[in-house]
PDB file of all heavy atoms in Angstrom:
ATOM      1  N   ALA A   1      96.857 127.633  92.215  1.00  0.00           N
ATOM      2  CA  ALA A   1      97.074 128.793  91.341  1.00  0.00           C
ATOM      3  C   ALA A   1      97.902 128.397  90.127  1.00  0.00           C
ATOM      4  O   ALA A   1      97.645 128.852  89.004  1.00  0.00           O
ATOM      5  CB  ALA A   1      97.765 129.905  92.122  1.00  0.00           C
ATOM      6  N   ALA A   2      98.899 127.518  90.331  1.00  0.00           N
ATOM      7  CA  ALA A   2      99.739 127.053  89.222  1.00  0.00           C
ATOM      8  C   ALA A   2      98.940 126.213  88.230  1.00  0.00           C
ATOM      9  O   ALA A   2      99.211 126.244  87.025  1.00  0.00           O
ATOM     10  CB  ALA A   2     100.915 126.248  89.760  1.00  0.00           C
ATOM     11  N   CYS A   3      97.959 125.463  88.718  1.00  0.00           N
ATOM     12  CA  CYS A   3      97.086 124.693  87.820  1.00  0.00           C
ATOM     13  C   CYS A   3      96.329 125.636  86.885  1.00  0.00           C
ATOM     14  O   CYS A   3      96.183 125.357  85.685  1.00  0.00           O
ATOM     15  CB  CYS A   3      96.093 123.858  88.633  1.00  0.00           C
ATOM     16  SG  CYS A   3      96.830 122.428  89.473  1.00  0.00           S
ATOM     17  N   ILE A   4      95.858 126.746  87.434  1.00  0.00           N
ATOM     18  CA  ILE A   4      95.180 127.748  86.610  1.00  0.00           C
ATOM     19  C   ILE A   4      96.154 128.312  85.572  1.00  0.00           C
ATOM     20  O   ILE A   4      95.823 128.432  84.386  1.00  0.00           O
ATOM     21  CB  ILE A   4      94.620 128.887  87.487  1.00  0.00           C
ATOM     22  CG1 ILE A   4      93.521 128.360  88.413  1.00  0.00           C
ATOM     23  CG2 ILE A   4      94.081 130.030  86.615  1.00  0.00           C
ATOM     24  CD1 ILE A   4      93.007 129.377  89.417  1.00  0.00           C
ATOM     25  N   ALA A   5      97.355 128.640  86.024  1.00  0.00           N
ATOM     26  CA  ALA A   5      98.361 129.208  85.121  1.00  0.00           C
ATOM     27  C   ALA A   5      98.657 128.266  83.960  1.00  0.00           C
ATOM     28  O   ALA A   5      98.648 128.684  82.793  1.00  0.00           O
ATOM     29  CB  ALA A   5      99.641 129.501  85.898  1.00  0.00           C
ATOM     30  N   ASN A   6      98.895 127.005  84.263  1.00  0.00           N
ATOM     31  CA  ASN A   6      99.247 126.042  83.208  1.00  0.00           C
ATOM     32  C   ASN A   6      98.079 125.755  82.276  1.00  0.00           C
ATOM     33  O   ASN A   6      98.271 125.536  81.077  1.00  0.00           O
ATOM     34  CB  ASN A   6      99.776 124.753  83.839  1.00  0.00           C
ATOM     35  CG  ASN A   6     101.170 124.924  84.401  1.00  0.00           C
ATOM     36  OD1 ASN A   6     102.024 125.537  83.778  1.00  0.00           O
ATOM     37  ND2 ASN A   6     101.410 124.407  85.597  1.00  0.00           N
ATOM     38  N   TYR A   7      96.872 125.745  82.813  1.00  0.00           N
ATOM     39  CA  TYR A   7      95.682 125.558  81.978  1.00  0.00           C
ATOM     40  C   TYR A   7      95.592 126.688  80.947  1.00  0.00           C
ATOM     41  O   TYR A   7      95.370 126.446  79.753  1.00  0.00           O
ATOM     42  CB  TYR A   7      94.431 125.529  82.854  1.00  0.00           C
ATOM     43  CG  TYR A   7      93.131 125.333  82.084  1.00  0.00           C
ATOM     44  CD1 TYR A   7      92.553 124.072  81.988  1.00  0.00           C
ATOM     45  CD2 TYR A   7      92.479 126.403  81.463  1.00  0.00           C
ATOM     46  CE1 TYR A   7      91.363 123.880  81.291  1.00  0.00           C
ATOM     47  CE2 TYR A   7      91.301 126.225  80.759  1.00  0.00           C
ATOM     48  CZ  TYR A   7      90.752 124.964  80.684  1.00  0.00           C
ATOM     49  OH  TYR A   7      89.574 124.778  79.986  1.00  0.00           O
ATOM     50  N   LEU A   8      95.772 127.915  81.406  1.00  0.00           N
ATOM     51  CA  LEU A   8      95.661 129.065  80.509  1.00  0.00           C
ATOM     52  C   LEU A   8      96.820 129.121  79.523  1.00  0.00           C
ATOM     53  O   LEU A   8      96.635 129.476  78.354  1.00  0.00           O
ATOM     54  CB  LEU A   8      95.593 130.354  81.324  1.00  0.00           C
ATOM     55  CG  LEU A   8      94.345 130.505  82.202  1.00  0.00           C
ATOM     56  CD1 LEU A   8      94.401 131.794  83.016  1.00  0.00           C
ATOM     57  CD2 LEU A   8      93.072 130.473  81.366  1.00  0.00           C
ATOM     58  N   LEU A   9      98.018 128.755  79.979  1.00  0.00           N
ATOM     59  CA  LEU A   9      99.167 128.714  79.074  1.00  0.00           C
ATOM     60  C   LEU A   9      98.945 127.700  77.961  1.00  0.00           C
ATOM     61  O   LEU A   9      99.293 127.954  76.794  1.00  0.00           O
ATOM     62  CB  LEU A   9     100.443 128.378  79.853  1.00  0.00           C
ATOM     63  CG  LEU A   9     101.026 129.499  80.723  1.00  0.00           C
ATOM     64  CD1 LEU A   9     102.101 128.951  81.650  1.00  0.00           C
ATOM     65  CD2 LEU A   9     101.594 130.622  79.864  1.00  0.00           C
ATOM     66  N   GLU A  10      98.378 126.552  78.307  1.00  0.00           N
ATOM     67  CA  GLU A  10      98.079 125.526  77.295  1.00  0.00           C
ATOM     68  C   GLU A  10      97.057 126.027  76.292  1.00  0.00           C
ATOM     69  O   GLU A  10      97.003 125.562  75.158  1.00  0.00           O
ATOM     70  CB  GLU A  10      97.569 124.248  77.968  1.00  0.00           C
ATOM     71  CG  GLU A  10      98.629 123.473  78.726  1.00  0.00           C
ATOM     72  CD  GLU A  10      99.704 122.902  77.812  1.00  0.00           C
ATOM     73  OE1 GLU A  10      99.422 122.712  76.609  1.00  0.00           O
ATOM     74  OE2 GLU A  10     100.824 122.664  78.288  1.00  0.00           O
ATOM     75  N   ASN A  11      96.230 126.976  76.725  1.00  0.00           N
ATOM     76  CA  ASN A  11      95.225 127.545  75.834  1.00  0.00           C
ATOM     77  C   ASN A  11      95.678 128.892  75.263  1.00  0.00           C
ATOM     78  O   ASN A  11      94.864 129.720  74.864  1.00  0.00           O
ATOM     79  CB  ASN A  11      93.893 127.698  76.573  1.00  0.00           C
ATOM     80  CG  ASN A  11      93.197 126.360  76.761  1.00  0.00           C
ATOM     81  OD1 ASN A  11      92.505 125.868  75.869  1.00  0.00           O
ATOM     82  ND2 ASN A  11      93.379 125.741  77.924  1.00  0.00           N
ATOM     83  N   ASN A  12      97.011 129.048  75.235  1.00  0.00           N
ATOM     84  CA  ASN A  12      97.643 130.191  74.558  1.00  0.00           C
ATOM     85  C   ASN A  12      97.304 131.534  75.173  1.00  0.00           C
ATOM     86  O   ASN A  12      97.243 132.557  74.473  1.00  0.00           O
ATOM     87  CB  ASN A  12      97.270 130.206  73.072  1.00  0.00           C
ATOM     88  CG  ASN A  12      98.485 130.436  72.197  1.00  0.00           C
ATOM     89  OD1 ASN A  12      99.620 130.228  72.611  1.00  0.00           O
ATOM     90  ND2 ASN A  12      98.247 130.877  70.974  1.00  0.00           N
ATOM     91  N   ARG A  13      97.083 131.549  76.475  1.00  0.00           N
ATOM     92  CA  ARG A  13      96.890 132.793  77.211  1.00  0.00           C
ATOM     93  C   ARG A  13      98.185 133.138  77.940  1.00  0.00           C
ATOM     94  O   ARG A  13      98.824 132.254  78.520  1.00  0.00           O
ATOM     95  CB  ARG A  13      95.758 132.644  78.236  1.00  0.00           C
ATOM     96  CG  ARG A  13      94.371 132.681  77.631  1.00  0.00           C
ATOM     97  CD  ARG A  13      93.982 134.106  77.279  1.00  0.00           C
ATOM     98  NE  ARG A  13      92.556 134.229  77.064  1.00  0.00           N
ATOM     99  CZ  ARG A  13      91.916 135.394  77.009  1.00  0.00           C
ATOM    100  NH1 ARG A  13      92.588 136.523  77.145  1.00  0.00           N
ATOM    101  NH2 ARG A  13      90.631 135.448  76.795  1.00  0.00           N
ATOM    102  N   SER A  14      98.567 134.396  77.930  1.00  0.00           N
ATOM    103  CA  SER A  14      99.800 134.805  78.601  1.00  0.00           C
ATOM    104  C   SER A  14      99.566 134.922  80.108  1.00  0.00           C
ATOM    105  O   SER A  14      98.589 135.530  80.543  1.00  0.00           O
ATOM    106  CB  SER A  14     100.297 136.132  78.042  1.00  0.00           C
ATOM    107  OG  SER A  14      99.296 137.122  78.148  1.00  0.00           O
ATOM    108  N   VAL A  15     100.463 134.300  80.868  1.00  0.00           N
ATOM    109  CA  VAL A  15     100.360 134.303  82.324  1.00  0.00           C
ATOM    110  C   VAL A  15     101.743 134.559  82.917  1.00  0.00           C
ATOM    111  O   VAL A  15     102.738 134.018  82.446  1.00  0.00           O
ATOM    112  CB  VAL A  15      99.836 132.951  82.863  1.00  0.00           C
ATOM    113  CG1 VAL A  15      99.730 132.982  84.384  1.00  0.00           C
ATOM    114  CG2 VAL A  15      98.491 132.593  82.245  1.00  0.00           C
ATOM    115  N   VAL A  16     101.786 135.398  83.937  1.00  0.00           N
ATOM    116  CA  VAL A  16     103.004 135.571  84.728  1.00  0.00           C
ATOM    117  C   VAL A  16     102.679 135.130  86.146  1.00  0.00           C
ATOM    118  O   VAL A  16     101.725 135.610  86.739  1.00  0.00           O
ATOM    119  CB  VAL A  16     103.497 137.031  84.723  1.00  0.00           C
ATOM    120  CG1 VAL A  16     104.596 137.223  85.770  1.00  0.00           C
ATOM    121  CG2 VAL A  16     104.023 137.417  83.350  1.00  0.00           C
ATOM    122  N   MET A  17     103.462 134.173  86.658  1.00  0.00           N
ATOM    123  CA  MET A  17     103.307 133.732  88.045  1.00  0.00           C
ATOM    124  C   MET A  17     104.628 133.966  88.766  1.00  0.00           C
ATOM    125  O   MET A  17     105.668 133.468  88.361  1.00  0.00           O
ATOM    126  CB  MET A  17     102.931 132.252  88.119  1.00  0.00           C
ATOM    127  CG  MET A  17     102.698 131.777  89.540  1.00  0.00           C
ATOM    128  SD  MET A  17     102.002 130.087  89.622  1.00  0.00           S
ATOM    129  CE  MET A  17     101.894 129.877  91.415  1.00  0.00           C
ATOM    130  N   THR A  18     104.575 134.742  89.818  1.00  0.00           N
ATOM    131  CA  THR A  18     105.776 135.092  90.559  1.00  0.00           C
ATOM    132  C   THR A  18     105.375 135.393  92.001  1.00  0.00           C
ATOM    133  O   THR A  18     104.304 135.011  92.447  1.00  0.00           O
ATOM    134  CB  THR A  18     106.483 136.293  89.888  1.00  0.00           C
ATOM    135  OG1 THR A  18     107.698 136.553  90.558  1.00  0.00           O
ATOM    136  CG2 THR A  18     105.622 137.537  89.864  1.00  0.00           C
ATOM    137  N   SER A  19     106.242 136.073  92.741  1.00  0.00           N
ATOM    138  CA  SER A  19     105.940 136.463  94.125  1.00  0.00           C
ATOM    139  C   SER A  19     106.460 137.871  94.360  1.00  0.00           C
ATOM    140  O   SER A  19     107.339 138.356  93.636  1.00  0.00           O
ATOM    141  CB  SER A  19     106.597 135.501  95.115  1.00  0.00           C
ATOM    142  OG  SER A  19     108.005 135.642  95.096  1.00  0.00           O
ATOM    143  N   PHE A  20     105.920 138.542  95.367  1.00  0.00           N
ATOM    144  CA  PHE A  20     106.397 139.882  95.670  1.00  0.00           C
ATOM    145  C   PHE A  20     107.853 139.847  96.124  1.00  0.00           C
ATOM    146  O   PHE A  20     108.627 140.762  95.829  1.00  0.00           O
ATOM    147  CB  PHE A  20     105.519 140.530  96.737  1.00  0.00           C
ATOM    148  CG  PHE A  20     104.202 141.024  96.214  1.00  0.00           C
ATOM    149  CD1 PHE A  20     103.006 140.540  96.708  1.00  0.00           C
ATOM    150  CD2 PHE A  20     104.163 141.984  95.206  1.00  0.00           C
ATOM    151  CE1 PHE A  20     101.791 140.992  96.224  1.00  0.00           C
ATOM    152  CE2 PHE A  20     102.948 142.442  94.709  1.00  0.00           C
ATOM    153  CZ  PHE A  20     101.760 141.946  95.220  1.00  0.00           C
ATOM    154  N   VAL A  21     108.230 138.793  96.836  1.00  0.00           N
ATOM    155  CA  VAL A  21     109.618 138.661  97.278  1.00  0.00           C
ATOM    156  C   VAL A  21     110.541 138.612  96.070  1.00  0.00           C
ATOM    157  O   VAL A  21     111.571 139.295  96.019  1.00  0.00           O
ATOM    158  CB  VAL A  21     109.803 137.399  98.151  1.00  0.00           C
ATOM    159  CG1 VAL A  21     111.280 137.152  98.439  1.00  0.00           C
ATOM    160  CG2 VAL A  21     109.033 137.534  99.465  1.00  0.00           C
ATOM    161  N   ARG A  22     110.159 137.825  95.073  1.00  0.00           N
ATOM    162  CA  ARG A  22     110.983 137.704  93.867  1.00  0.00           C
ATOM    163  C   ARG A  22     110.997 139.006  93.081  1.00  0.00           C
ATOM    164  O   ARG A  22     112.027 139.408  92.545  1.00  0.00           O
ATOM    165  CB  ARG A  22     110.461 136.561  93.002  1.00  0.00           C
ATOM    166  CG  ARG A  22     111.302 136.320  91.765  1.00  0.00           C
ATOM    167  CD  ARG A  22     110.910 135.034  91.073  1.00  0.00           C
ATOM    168  NE  ARG A  22     111.725 134.815  89.891  1.00  0.00           N
ATOM    169  CZ  ARG A  22     111.627 133.742  89.114  1.00  0.00           C
ATOM    170  NH1 ARG A  22     110.767 132.790  89.425  1.00  0.00           N
ATOM    171  NH2 ARG A  22     112.373 133.610  88.054  1.00  0.00           N
ATOM    172  N   ILE A  23     109.844 139.665  92.999  1.00  0.00           N
ATOM    173  CA  ILE A  23     109.764 140.937  92.284  1.00  0.00           C
ATOM    174  C   ILE A  23     110.712 141.958  92.909  1.00  0.00           C
ATOM    175  O   ILE A  23     111.456 142.655  92.208  1.00  0.00           O
ATOM    176  CB  ILE A  23     108.315 141.475  92.295  1.00  0.00           C
ATOM    177  CG1 ILE A  23     107.428 140.632  91.366  1.00  0.00           C
ATOM    178  CG2 ILE A  23     108.283 142.936  91.857  1.00  0.00           C
ATOM    179  CD1 ILE A  23     105.959 140.972  91.453  1.00  0.00           C
ATOM    180  N   LEU A  24     110.682 142.055  94.230  1.00  0.00           N
ATOM    181  CA  LEU A  24     111.532 143.023  94.921  1.00  0.00           C
ATOM    182  C   LEU A  24     113.012 142.703  94.719  1.00  0.00           C
ATOM    183  O   LEU A  24     113.844 143.610  94.619  1.00  0.00           O
ATOM    184  CB  LEU A  24     111.181 143.054  96.410  1.00  0.00           C
ATOM    185  CG  LEU A  24     109.784 143.617  96.718  1.00  0.00           C
ATOM    186  CD1 LEU A  24     109.430 143.409  98.191  1.00  0.00           C
ATOM    187  CD2 LEU A  24     109.693 145.088  96.357  1.00  0.00           C
ATOM    188  N   GLN A  25     113.332 141.397  94.626  1.00  0.00           N
ATOM    189  CA  GLN A  25     114.716 141.010  94.340  1.00  0.00           C
ATOM    190  C   GLN A  25     115.111 141.421  92.923  1.00  0.00           C
ATOM    191  O   GLN A  25     116.230 141.876  92.680  1.00  0.00           O
ATOM    192  CB  GLN A  25     114.881 139.502  94.520  1.00  0.00           C
ATOM    193  CG  GLN A  25     114.837 139.040  95.969  1.00  0.00           C
ATOM    194  CD  GLN A  25     114.855 137.525  96.104  1.00  0.00           C
ATOM    195  OE1 GLN A  25     114.566 136.797  95.145  1.00  0.00           O
ATOM    196  NE2 GLN A  25     115.180 137.039  97.292  1.00  0.00           N
ATOM    197  N   GLU A  26     114.173 141.244  91.978  1.00  0.00           N
ATOM    198  CA  GLU A  26     114.438 141.616  90.585  1.00  0.00           C
ATOM    199  C   GLU A  26     114.691 143.117  90.448  1.00  0.00           C
ATOM    200  O   GLU A  26     115.493 143.557  89.620  1.00  0.00           O
ATOM    201  CB  GLU A  26     113.238 141.220  89.713  1.00  0.00           C
ATOM    202  CG  GLU A  26     113.035 139.730  89.536  1.00  0.00           C
ATOM    203  CD  GLU A  26     113.851 139.166  88.395  1.00  0.00           C
ATOM    204  OE1 GLU A  26     114.447 139.955  87.644  1.00  0.00           O
ATOM    205  OE2 GLU A  26     113.901 137.934  88.273  1.00  0.00           O
ATOM    206  N   LEU A  27     114.002 143.904  91.263  1.00  0.00           N
ATOM    207  CA  LEU A  27     114.066 145.358  91.131  1.00  0.00           C
ATOM    208  C   LEU A  27     115.349 145.966  91.693  1.00  0.00           C
ATOM    209  O   LEU A  27     115.612 147.151  91.468  1.00  0.00           O
ATOM    210  CB  LEU A  27     112.856 145.995  91.833  1.00  0.00           C
ATOM    211  CG  LEU A  27     111.487 145.743  91.195  1.00  0.00           C
ATOM    212  CD1 LEU A  27     110.389 146.360  92.048  1.00  0.00           C
ATOM    213  CD2 LEU A  27     111.433 146.299  89.780  1.00  0.00           C
ATOM    214  N   LYS A  28     116.133 145.175  92.418  1.00  0.00           N
ATOM    215  CA  LYS A  28     117.353 145.700  93.023  1.00  0.00           C
ATOM    216  C   LYS A  28     118.283 146.285  91.951  1.00  0.00           C
ATOM    217  O   LYS A  28     118.631 145.619  90.979  1.00  0.00           O
ATOM    218  CB  LYS A  28     118.101 144.596  93.782  1.00  0.00           C
ATOM    219  CG  LYS A  28     117.473 144.257  95.127  1.00  0.00           C
ATOM    220  CD  LYS A  28     118.299 143.199  95.841  1.00  0.00           C
ATOM    221  CE  LYS A  28     117.696 142.854  97.206  1.00  0.00           C
ATOM    222  NZ  LYS A  28     118.487 141.792  97.890  1.00  0.00           N
ATOM    223  N   GLY A  29     118.663 147.520  92.141  1.00  0.00           N
ATOM    224  CA  GLY A  29     119.608 148.150  91.216  1.00  0.00           C
ATOM    225  C   GLY A  29     118.972 148.684  89.946  1.00  0.00           C
ATOM    226  O   GLY A  29     119.671 149.225  89.092  1.00  0.00           O
ATOM    227  N   PHE A  30     117.660 148.531  89.782  1.00  0.00           N
ATOM    228  CA  PHE A  30     116.996 149.041  88.578  1.00  0.00           C
ATOM    229  C   PHE A  30     116.853 150.556  88.652  1.00  0.00           C
ATOM    230  O   PHE A  30     116.497 151.102  89.695  1.00  0.00           O
ATOM    231  CB  PHE A  30     115.595 148.434  88.437  1.00  0.00           C
ATOM    232  CG  PHE A  30     115.574 147.070  87.804  1.00  0.00           C
ATOM    233  CD1 PHE A  30     116.724 146.308  87.711  1.00  0.00           C
ATOM    234  CD2 PHE A  30     114.397 146.547  87.305  1.00  0.00           C
ATOM    235  CE1 PHE A  30     116.713 145.050  87.142  1.00  0.00           C
ATOM    236  CE2 PHE A  30     114.373 145.287  86.722  1.00  0.00           C
ATOM    237  CZ  PHE A  30     115.523 144.548  86.642  1.00  0.00           C
ATOM    238  N   ASP A  31     117.121 151.230  87.538  1.00  0.00           N
ATOM    239  CA  ASP A  31     116.783 152.646  87.472  1.00  0.00           C
ATOM    240  C   ASP A  31     115.305 152.772  87.102  1.00  0.00           C
ATOM    241  O   ASP A  31     114.629 151.775  86.870  1.00  0.00           O
ATOM    242  CB  ASP A  31     117.678 153.386  86.471  1.00  0.00           C
ATOM    243  CG  ASP A  31     117.585 152.803  85.062  1.00  0.00           C
ATOM    244  OD1 ASP A  31     116.566 152.176  84.725  1.00  0.00           O
ATOM    245  OD2 ASP A  31     118.555 152.977  84.287  1.00  0.00           O
ATOM    246  N   LYS A  32     114.811 153.998  87.032  1.00  0.00           N
ATOM    247  CA  LYS A  32     113.378 154.204  86.781  1.00  0.00           C
ATOM    248  C   LYS A  32     112.944 153.608  85.451  1.00  0.00           C
ATOM    249  O   LYS A  32     111.880 152.994  85.344  1.00  0.00           O
ATOM    250  CB  LYS A  32     113.086 155.712  86.787  1.00  0.00           C
ATOM    251  CG  LYS A  32     111.611 156.074  86.648  1.00  0.00           C
ATOM    252  CD  LYS A  32     110.807 155.599  87.839  1.00  0.00           C
ATOM    253  CE  LYS A  32     109.414 156.213  87.852  1.00  0.00           C
ATOM    254  NZ  LYS A  32     108.607 155.925  86.655  1.00  0.00           N
ATOM    255  N   GLY A  33     113.795 153.729  84.430  1.00  0.00           N
ATOM    256  CA  GLY A  33     113.444 153.209  83.112  1.00  0.00           C
ATOM    257  C   GLY A  33     113.288 151.699  83.102  1.00  0.00           C
ATOM    258  O   GLY A  33     112.300 151.162  82.587  1.00  0.00           O
ATOM    259  N   ARG A  34     114.267 150.997  83.676  1.00  0.00           N
ATOM    260  CA  ARG A  34     114.205 149.525  83.716  1.00  0.00           C
ATOM    261  C   ARG A  34     113.065 149.051  84.606  1.00  0.00           C
ATOM    262  O   ARG A  34     112.430 148.038  84.327  1.00  0.00           O
ATOM    263  CB  ARG A  34     115.535 148.966  84.224  1.00  0.00           C
ATOM    264  CG  ARG A  34     116.690 149.092  83.243  1.00  0.00           C
ATOM    265  CD  ARG A  34     117.925 148.400  83.755  1.00  0.00           C
ATOM    266  NE  ARG A  34     117.751 146.956  83.832  1.00  0.00           N
ATOM    267  CZ  ARG A  34     118.598 146.131  84.447  1.00  0.00           C
ATOM    268  NH1 ARG A  34     119.658 146.623  85.075  1.00  0.00           N
ATOM    269  NH2 ARG A  34     118.381 144.828  84.458  1.00  0.00           N
ATOM    270  N   GLU A  35     112.815 149.792  85.675  1.00  0.00           N
ATOM    271  CA  GLU A  35     111.712 149.432  86.572  1.00  0.00           C
ATOM    272  C   GLU A  35     110.374 149.532  85.846  1.00  0.00           C
ATOM    273  O   GLU A  35     109.519 148.643  85.965  1.00  0.00           O
ATOM    274  CB  GLU A  35     111.729 150.358  87.782  1.00  0.00           C
ATOM    275  CG  GLU A  35     110.771 149.945  88.887  1.00  0.00           C
ATOM    276  CD  GLU A  35     110.918 150.815  90.119  1.00  0.00           C
ATOM    277  OE1 GLU A  35     111.910 150.644  90.847  1.00  0.00           O
ATOM    278  OE2 GLU A  35     110.025 151.671  90.352  1.00  0.00           O
TER     279      GLU A  35
END
């Protein structure tokens, strides 16, 4: 999956690669607006 991400990034396509675990950690303490 990361090979796909880097290929597209090299071709100037926007890609976000993350995990649900990381997303849920990021959301801790967020209000509705920041979320």
